PDB file of N, CA and C in Angstrom:
ATOM      1  N   UNK A   1      52.663  13.639  73.506  1.00  0.00           N
ATOM      2  CA  UNK A   1      52.491  13.132  72.164  1.00  0.00           C
ATOM      3  C   UNK A   1      52.577  11.603  72.237  1.00  0.00           C
ATOM      4  N   UNK A   2      51.636  10.923  71.598  1.00  0.00           N
ATOM      5  CA  UNK A   2      51.656   9.471  71.682  1.00  0.00           C
ATOM      6  C   UNK A   2      52.671   8.869  70.719  1.00  0.00           C
ATOM      7  N   UNK A   3      52.961   7.599  70.935  1.00  0.00           N
ATOM      8  CA  UNK A   3      53.997   6.922  70.155  1.00  0.00           C
ATOM      9  C   UNK A   3      53.638   6.822  68.673  1.00  0.00           C
ATOM     10  N   UNK A   4      52.365   6.600  68.373  1.00  0.00           N
ATOM     11  CA  UNK A   4      51.949   6.467  66.976  1.00  0.00           C
ATOM     12  C   UNK A   4      52.221   7.748  66.203  1.00  0.00           C
ATOM     13  N   UNK A   5      51.879   8.878  66.798  1.00  0.00           N
ATOM     14  CA  UNK A   5      52.115  10.161  66.128  1.00  0.00           C
ATOM     15  C   UNK A   5      53.609  10.406  65.955  1.00  0.00           C
ATOM     16  N   UNK A   6      54.409  10.077  66.939  1.00  0.00           N
ATOM     17  CA  UNK A   6      55.857  10.263  66.825  1.00  0.00           C
ATOM     18  C   UNK A   6      56.426   9.380  65.718  1.00  0.00           C
ATOM     19  N   UNK A   7      55.911   8.157  65.583  1.00  0.00           N
ATOM     20  CA  UNK A   7      56.384   7.269  64.521  1.00  0.00           C
ATOM     21  C   UNK A   7      56.014   7.833  63.150  1.00  0.00           C
ATOM     22  N   UNK A   8      54.803   8.360  63.027  1.00  0.00           N
ATOM     23  CA  UNK A   8      54.384   8.956  61.757  1.00  0.00           C
ATOM     24  C   UNK A   8      55.265  10.147  61.404  1.00  0.00           C
ATOM     25  N   UNK A   9      55.551  10.991  62.386  1.00  0.00           N
ATOM     26  CA  UNK A   9      56.387  12.168  62.132  1.00  0.00           C
ATOM     27  C   UNK A   9      57.799  11.743  61.748  1.00  0.00           C
ATOM     28  N   UNK A  10      58.329  10.721  62.405  1.00  0.00           N
ATOM     29  CA  UNK A  10      59.660  10.234  62.069  1.00  0.00           C
ATOM     30  C   UNK A  10      59.689   9.702  60.638  1.00  0.00           C
ATOM     31  N   UNK A  11      58.623   9.018  60.228  1.00  0.00           N
ATOM     32  CA  UNK A  11      58.542   8.493  58.865  1.00  0.00           C
ATOM     33  C   UNK A  11      58.508   9.625  57.843  1.00  0.00           C
ATOM     34  N   UNK A  12      57.784  10.697  58.152  1.00  0.00           N
ATOM     35  CA  UNK A  12      57.711  11.852  57.249  1.00  0.00           C
ATOM     36  C   UNK A  12      59.085  12.493  57.102  1.00  0.00           C
ATOM     37  N   UNK A  13      59.771  12.700  58.209  1.00  0.00           N
ATOM     38  CA  UNK A  13      61.102  13.312  58.167  1.00  0.00           C
ATOM     39  C   UNK A  13      62.067  12.426  57.393  1.00  0.00           C
ATOM     40  N   UNK A  14      62.000  11.112  57.620  1.00  0.00           N
ATOM     41  CA  UNK A  14      62.866  10.173  56.915  1.00  0.00           C
ATOM     42  C   UNK A  14      62.600  10.215  55.414  1.00  0.00           C
ATOM     43  N   UNK A  15      61.321  10.190  55.026  1.00  0.00           N
ATOM     44  CA  UNK A  15      60.962  10.230  53.606  1.00  0.00           C
ATOM     45  C   UNK A  15      61.426  11.530  52.961  1.00  0.00           C
ATOM     46  N   UNK A  16      61.274  12.635  53.673  1.00  0.00           N
ATOM     47  CA  UNK A  16      61.730  13.920  53.136  1.00  0.00           C
ATOM     48  C   UNK A  16      63.245  13.915  52.959  1.00  0.00           C
ATOM     49  N   UNK A  17      63.959  13.319  53.903  1.00  0.00           N
ATOM     50  CA  UNK A  17      65.415  13.221  53.797  1.00  0.00           C
ATOM     51  C   UNK A  17      65.833  12.391  52.600  1.00  0.00           C
ATOM     52  N   UNK A  18      65.104  11.300  52.349  1.00  0.00           N
ATOM     53  CA  UNK A  18      65.409  10.485  51.178  1.00  0.00           C
ATOM     54  C   UNK A  18      65.163  11.257  49.895  1.00  0.00           C
ATOM     55  N   UNK A  19      64.081  12.012  49.851  1.00  0.00           N
ATOM     56  CA  UNK A  19      63.759  12.786  48.661  1.00  0.00           C
ATOM     57  C   UNK A  19      64.831  13.834  48.394  1.00  0.00           C
ATOM     58  N   UNK A  20      65.332  14.466  49.433  1.00  0.00           N
ATOM     59  CA  UNK A  20      66.366  15.487  49.269  1.00  0.00           C
ATOM     60  C   UNK A  20      67.676  14.833  48.867  1.00  0.00           C
ATOM     61  N   UNK A  21      68.030  13.725  49.523  1.00  0.00           N
ATOM     62  CA  UNK A  21      69.279  13.029  49.226  1.00  0.00           C
ATOM     63  C   UNK A  21      69.314  12.485  47.813  1.00  0.00           C
ATOM     64  N   UNK A  22      68.160  12.094  47.279  1.00  0.00           N
ATOM     65  CA  UNK A  22      68.108  11.533  45.940  1.00  0.00           C
ATOM     66  C   UNK A  22      68.326  12.596  44.879  1.00  0.00           C
ATOM     67  N   UNK A  23      68.094  13.845  45.197  1.00  0.00           N
ATOM     68  CA  UNK A  23      68.216  14.900  44.194  1.00  0.00           C
ATOM     69  C   UNK A  23      69.296  15.893  44.545  1.00  0.00           C
ATOM     70  N   UNK A  24      70.462  15.437  44.925  1.00  0.00           N
ATOM     71  CA  UNK A  24      71.495  16.327  45.403  1.00  0.00           C
ATOM     72  C   UNK A  24      72.322  17.021  44.337  1.00  0.00           C
ATOM     73  N   UNK A  25      71.945  16.899  43.065  1.00  0.00           N
ATOM     74  CA  UNK A  25      72.731  17.549  42.024  1.00  0.00           C
ATOM     75  C   UNK A  25      72.286  19.000  41.855  1.00  0.00           C
ATOM     76  N   UNK A  26      73.072  19.759  41.130  1.00  0.00           N
ATOM     77  CA  UNK A  26      72.766  21.177  40.938  1.00  0.00           C
ATOM     78  C   UNK A  26      71.454  21.383  40.191  1.00  0.00           C
ATOM     79  N   UNK A  27      71.039  20.392  39.407  1.00  0.00           N
ATOM     80  CA  UNK A  27      69.798  20.533  38.653  1.00  0.00           C
ATOM     81  C   UNK A  27      68.641  19.813  39.342  1.00  0.00           C
ATOM     82  N   UNK A  28      68.757  19.575  40.620  1.00  0.00           N
ATOM     83  CA  UNK A  28      67.724  18.836  41.349  1.00  0.00           C
ATOM     84  C   UNK A  28      66.383  19.541  41.260  1.00  0.00           C
ATOM     85  N   UNK A  29      65.324  18.744  41.154  1.00  0.00           N
ATOM     86  CA  UNK A  29      63.981  19.289  41.063  1.00  0.00           C
ATOM     87  C   UNK A  29      63.161  18.842  42.266  1.00  0.00           C
ATOM     88  N   UNK A  30      62.307  19.698  42.703  1.00  0.00           N
ATOM     89  CA  UNK A  30      61.311  19.369  43.712  1.00  0.00           C
ATOM     90  C   UNK A  30      59.986  19.764  43.096  1.00  0.00           C
ATOM     91  N   UNK A  31      59.093  18.819  42.976  1.00  0.00           N
ATOM     92  CA  UNK A  31      57.799  19.118  42.379  1.00  0.00           C
ATOM     93  C   UNK A  31      57.908  19.609  40.952  1.00  0.00           C
ATOM     94  N   UNK A  32      58.932  19.156  40.220  1.00  0.00           N
ATOM     95  CA  UNK A  32      59.106  19.561  38.837  1.00  0.00           C
ATOM     96  C   UNK A  32      59.707  20.942  38.665  1.00  0.00           C
ATOM     97  N   UNK A  33      60.172  21.556  39.750  1.00  0.00           N
ATOM     98  CA  UNK A  33      60.736  22.901  39.677  1.00  0.00           C
ATOM     99  C   UNK A  33      62.246  22.858  39.906  1.00  0.00           C
ATOM    100  N   UNK A  34      62.981  23.521  39.040  1.00  0.00           N
ATOM    101  CA  UNK A  34      64.419  23.621  39.234  1.00  0.00           C
ATOM    102  C   UNK A  34      64.718  24.641  40.320  1.00  0.00           C
ATOM    103  N   UNK A  35      65.805  24.441  41.010  1.00  0.00           N
ATOM    104  CA  UNK A  35      66.212  25.321  42.101  1.00  0.00           C
ATOM    105  C   UNK A  35      67.014  26.479  41.535  1.00  0.00           C
ATOM    106  N   UNK A  36      66.337  27.525  41.158  1.00  0.00           N
ATOM    107  CA  UNK A  36      66.992  28.709  40.636  1.00  0.00           C
ATOM    108  C   UNK A  36      65.975  29.842  40.684  1.00  0.00           C
ATOM    109  N   UNK A  37      66.239  30.959  41.244  1.00  0.00           N
ATOM    110  CA  UNK A  37      67.474  31.403  41.885  1.00  0.00           C
ATOM    111  C   UNK A  37      67.533  30.994  43.351  1.00  0.00           C
ATOM    112  N   UNK A  38      68.698  31.232  43.962  1.00  0.00           N
ATOM    113  CA  UNK A  38      68.827  30.975  45.392  1.00  0.00           C
ATOM    114  C   UNK A  38      67.834  31.854  46.143  1.00  0.00           C
ATOM    115  N   UNK A  39      67.262  31.303  47.197  1.00  0.00           N
ATOM    116  CA  UNK A  39      66.271  32.034  47.969  1.00  0.00           C
ATOM    117  C   UNK A  39      64.848  31.742  47.532  1.00  0.00           C
ATOM    118  N   UNK A  40      64.682  31.077  46.384  1.00  0.00           N
ATOM    119  CA  UNK A  40      63.344  30.705  45.930  1.00  0.00           C
ATOM    120  C   UNK A  40      62.749  29.696  46.903  1.00  0.00           C
ATOM    121  N   UNK A  41      61.429  29.648  46.984  1.00  0.00           N
ATOM    122  CA  UNK A  41      60.757  28.689  47.848  1.00  0.00           C
ATOM    123  C   UNK A  41      59.699  27.949  47.048  1.00  0.00           C
ATOM    124  N   UNK A  42      59.353  26.767  47.531  1.00  0.00           N
ATOM    125  CA  UNK A  42      58.274  26.001  46.915  1.00  0.00           C
ATOM    126  C   UNK A  42      57.581  25.178  47.989  1.00  0.00           C
ATOM    127  N   UNK A  43      56.354  24.820  47.699  1.00  0.00           N
ATOM    128  CA  UNK A  43      55.540  24.020  48.605  1.00  0.00           C
ATOM    129  C   UNK A  43      54.959  22.853  47.825  1.00  0.00           C
ATOM    130  N   UNK A  44      55.002  21.666  48.418  1.00  0.00           N
ATOM    131  CA  UNK A  44      54.438  20.478  47.792  1.00  0.00           C
ATOM    132  C   UNK A  44      53.401  19.891  48.735  1.00  0.00           C
ATOM    133  N   UNK A  45      52.234  19.593  48.208  1.00  0.00           N
ATOM    134  CA  UNK A  45      51.185  18.941  48.996  1.00  0.00           C
ATOM    135  C   UNK A  45      51.177  17.477  48.614  1.00  0.00           C
ATOM    136  N   UNK A  46      51.331  16.628  49.631  1.00  0.00           N
ATOM    137  CA  UNK A  46      51.343  15.191  49.391  1.00  0.00           C
ATOM    138  C   UNK A  46      50.578  14.524  50.522  1.00  0.00           C
ATOM    139  N   UNK A  47      49.494  13.855  50.178  1.00  0.00           N
ATOM    140  CA  UNK A  47      48.655  13.244  51.207  1.00  0.00           C
ATOM    141  C   UNK A  47      48.043  14.334  52.071  1.00  0.00           C
ATOM    142  N   UNK A  48      48.183  14.199  53.369  1.00  0.00           N
ATOM    143  CA  UNK A  48      47.634  15.200  54.291  1.00  0.00           C
ATOM    144  C   UNK A  48      48.719  16.128  54.836  1.00  0.00           C
ATOM    145  N   UNK A  49      49.854  16.212  54.139  1.00  0.00           N
ATOM    146  CA  UNK A  49      50.979  17.048  54.578  1.00  0.00           C
ATOM    147  C   UNK A  49      51.339  18.059  53.519  1.00  0.00           C
ATOM    148  N   UNK A  50      51.856  19.188  53.955  1.00  0.00           N
ATOM    149  CA  UNK A  50      52.379  20.230  53.078  1.00  0.00           C
ATOM    150  C   UNK A  50      53.872  20.358  53.402  1.00  0.00           C
ATOM    151  N   UNK A  51      54.731  20.174  52.386  1.00  0.00           N
ATOM    152  CA  UNK A  51      56.182  20.208  52.561  1.00  0.00           C
ATOM    153  C   UNK A  51      56.725  21.527  52.016  1.00  0.00           C
ATOM    154  N   UNK A  52      57.584  22.170  52.778  1.00  0.00           N
ATOM    155  CA  UNK A  52      58.164  23.454  52.399  1.00  0.00           C
ATOM    156  C   UNK A  52      59.660  23.279  52.118  1.00  0.00           C
ATOM    157  N   UNK A  53      60.120  23.840  51.007  1.00  0.00           N
ATOM    158  CA  UNK A  53      61.524  23.788  50.616  1.00  0.00           C
ATOM    159  C   UNK A  53      61.992  25.186  50.245  1.00  0.00           C
ATOM    160  N   UNK A  54      63.308  25.415  50.381  1.00  0.00           N
ATOM    161  CA  UNK A  54      63.923  26.660  49.935  1.00  0.00           C
ATOM    162  C   UNK A  54      65.149  26.305  49.101  1.00  0.00           C
ATOM    163  N   UNK A  55      65.499  27.179  48.196  1.00  0.00           N
ATOM    164  CA  UNK A  55      66.647  26.945  47.318  1.00  0.00           C
ATOM    165  C   UNK A  55      67.893  27.576  47.938  1.00  0.00           C
ATOM    166  N   UNK A  56      68.917  26.769  48.120  1.00  0.00           N
ATOM    167  CA  UNK A  56      70.180  27.248  48.688  1.00  0.00           C
ATOM    168  C   UNK A  56      71.327  26.566  47.950  1.00  0.00           C
ATOM    169  N   UNK A  57      72.225  27.342  47.416  1.00  0.00           N
ATOM    170  CA  UNK A  57      73.367  26.829  46.639  1.00  0.00           C
ATOM    171  C   UNK A  57      72.896  25.906  45.523  1.00  0.00           C
ATOM    172  N   UNK A  58      71.807  26.284  44.873  1.00  0.00           N
ATOM    173  CA  UNK A  58      71.237  25.556  43.741  1.00  0.00           C
ATOM    174  C   UNK A  58      70.773  24.147  44.100  1.00  0.00           C
ATOM    175  N   UNK A  59      70.415  23.942  45.373  1.00  0.00           N
ATOM    176  CA  UNK A  59      69.860  22.665  45.827  1.00  0.00           C
ATOM    177  C   UNK A  59      68.636  22.952  46.682  1.00  0.00           C
ATOM    178  N   UNK A  60      67.591  22.134  46.557  1.00  0.00           N
ATOM    179  CA  UNK A  60      66.409  22.277  47.396  1.00  0.00           C
ATOM    180  C   UNK A  60      66.731  21.772  48.793  1.00  0.00           C
ATOM    181  N   UNK A  61      66.396  22.559  49.786  1.00  0.00           N
ATOM    182  CA  UNK A  61      66.639  22.213  51.187  1.00  0.00           C
ATOM    183  C   UNK A  61      65.289  22.138  51.897  1.00  0.00           C
ATOM    184  N   UNK A  62      65.039  21.006  52.549  1.00  0.00           N
ATOM    185  CA  UNK A  62      63.798  20.819  53.293  1.00  0.00           C
ATOM    186  C   UNK A  62      63.746  21.800  54.454  1.00  0.00           C
ATOM    187  N   UNK A  63      62.623  22.505  54.615  1.00  0.00           N
ATOM    188  CA  UNK A  63      62.445  23.453  55.706  1.00  0.00           C
ATOM    189  C   UNK A  63      61.550  22.854  56.784  1.00  0.00           C
ATOM    190  N   UNK A  64      60.351  22.424  56.386  1.00  0.00           N
ATOM    191  CA  UNK A  64      59.420  21.841  57.351  1.00  0.00           C
ATOM    192  C   UNK A  64      58.296  21.136  56.618  1.00  0.00           C
ATOM    193  N   UNK A  65      57.580  20.296  57.364  1.00  0.00           N
ATOM    194  CA  UNK A  65      56.374  19.642  56.872  1.00  0.00           C
ATOM    195  C   UNK A  65      55.276  19.918  57.885  1.00  0.00           C
ATOM    196  N   UNK A  66      54.104  20.340  57.401  1.00  0.00           N
ATOM    197  CA  UNK A  66      52.995  20.677  58.293  1.00  0.00           C
ATOM    198  C   UNK A  66      51.752  19.915  57.864  1.00  0.00           C
ATOM    199  N   UNK A  67      50.988  19.408  58.823  1.00  0.00           N
ATOM    200  CA  UNK A  67      49.725  18.775  58.465  1.00  0.00           C
ATOM    201  C   UNK A  67      48.754  19.806  57.902  1.00  0.00           C
ATOM    202  N   UNK A  68      48.034  19.459  56.856  1.00  0.00           N
ATOM    203  CA  UNK A  68      47.146  20.398  56.190  1.00  0.00           C
ATOM    204  C   UNK A  68      46.012  20.846  57.096  1.00  0.00           C
ATOM    205  N   UNK A  69      45.480  19.956  57.910  1.00  0.00           N
ATOM    206  CA  UNK A  69      44.358  20.295  58.769  1.00  0.00           C
ATOM    207  C   UNK A  69      44.747  21.064  60.024  1.00  0.00           C
ATOM    208  N   UNK A  70      45.993  21.418  60.166  1.00  0.00           N
ATOM    209  CA  UNK A  70      46.482  22.091  61.363  1.00  0.00           C
ATOM    210  C   UNK A  70      47.206  21.109  62.262  1.00  0.00           C
ATOM    211  N   UNK A  71      47.930  21.610  63.196  1.00  0.00           N
ATOM    212  CA  UNK A  71      48.724  20.786  64.103  1.00  0.00           C
ATOM    213  C   UNK A  71      50.173  21.215  64.058  1.00  0.00           C
ATOM    214  N   UNK A  72      50.996  20.425  64.680  1.00  0.00           N
ATOM    215  CA  UNK A  72      52.422  20.767  64.788  1.00  0.00           C
ATOM    216  C   UNK A  72      53.180  20.405  63.528  1.00  0.00           C
ATOM    217  N   UNK A  73      54.071  21.298  63.139  1.00  0.00           N
ATOM    218  CA  UNK A  73      54.937  21.067  61.985  1.00  0.00           C
ATOM    219  C   UNK A  73      56.152  20.260  62.406  1.00  0.00           C
ATOM    220  N   UNK A  74      56.723  19.549  61.453  1.00  0.00           N
ATOM    221  CA  UNK A  74      57.944  18.773  61.666  1.00  0.00           C
ATOM    222  C   UNK A  74      59.079  19.528  60.997  1.00  0.00           C
ATOM    223  N   UNK A  75      60.146  19.810  61.738  1.00  0.00           N
ATOM    224  CA  UNK A  75      61.284  20.551  61.203  1.00  0.00           C
ATOM    225  C   UNK A  75      62.445  19.629  60.972  1.00  0.00           C
TER     226      UNK A  75
END
């Protein structure tokens, strides 16, 4: 894997972490959806990536990000 791709993946993971950290309250929303009930899942498409989240303890938890056109997912 080349350095440019690794930097892009690191940026995606960092941005996802910021998004999760910013919404750490029980009423946190991802894509306008409240986290209820536990075990619920949601997917957000942003740019050329698809982000997957699951609801755990009433908070959205990042699962993975995958490029829409195929390729390796970032966990």
